[in-house]
Amino acid sequence: MWLRRLALGIALLAAVLLLASGPGLRLGLWPLRTAFELMRFAAYLGIAATALAAVALCIPRVRRGGVAALAAAFLVGAASAAGPLEFQRRARSVPPIHDISTDTASPPEFVAVLPLRAGARNPPAYAGPETAKLQRAAYPDLAPILLAEPPERAFARALAAAEAMGWEIVAREPAAGRIEAVATTFWFGFKDDVVVRVAPAGRGSRIDVRSKSRVGRSDAGTNARRIRGWRAALLD
């Protein structure tokens, strides 16, 4: 029946658009705006395919002999819509900021990665007090990390955690207590910069970390999740 073929065709098209969006951006085939548009249309088509398949499954003469195709259309359509919709939900659930630091009063500064940020849409300087206010409201758990270890050991642990995260280490300077790295996001391949600062604190150490996106007004919570993941690796 034509309804089965239509539902399956739309579902497959949605999957193709979704699967092409990120890799195409990574390969330089289209700009960021196009990648987001592909995701948006993938969601629309996925919803349409899911709805068509659901309706068709409720019609006996359409369903007869084509349950497998309709089930495939339903599942592929739902999966194609789920990813973009979840991304949109996350983006709307967090403030539109892209510079996250455990120390918003005196954030760690970028040094070694500055040449890599040349031409980036977001400047390397800290985004300012409004960003700090929004961060404290959205991510109150992101605070300096205190360790009962001397800075030398704390630095080694911080570096090991950064390497465990798969970051590209750009600089490691034990004397200055600074680690700089580049983190690449999975789907779109965005390059975000990270700096870790290790300083003496009494008989132990204080560690601060900052993660900043090179592009985009909002990071959809990526930098905060990255810092939390690194913190978990550090304290493990």
Foldseek 3Di string as FASTA:
>chain_A
DVLLVVLLVLLVQLLVLLQCLQVCLVVVVDHNVSSLVSLVSSLVSLVVSLVSLVVQCVDVVSCPPCVVSSVNSNVSSVVSNVVSVVLVVLQVLADQAFKDKQDPPDGDADDQCQVVLVPFPDHRDDPDDVVVVRCCVGPVPRHKDWDLAALVVLLVLLVVLCVVLVWAWRDRDSVQQKTKTWDFDDRNRFTKIKMKGWDDDVNTIIIMMMIGTRDGSHPSCVRVVSVVSSVVSSVD
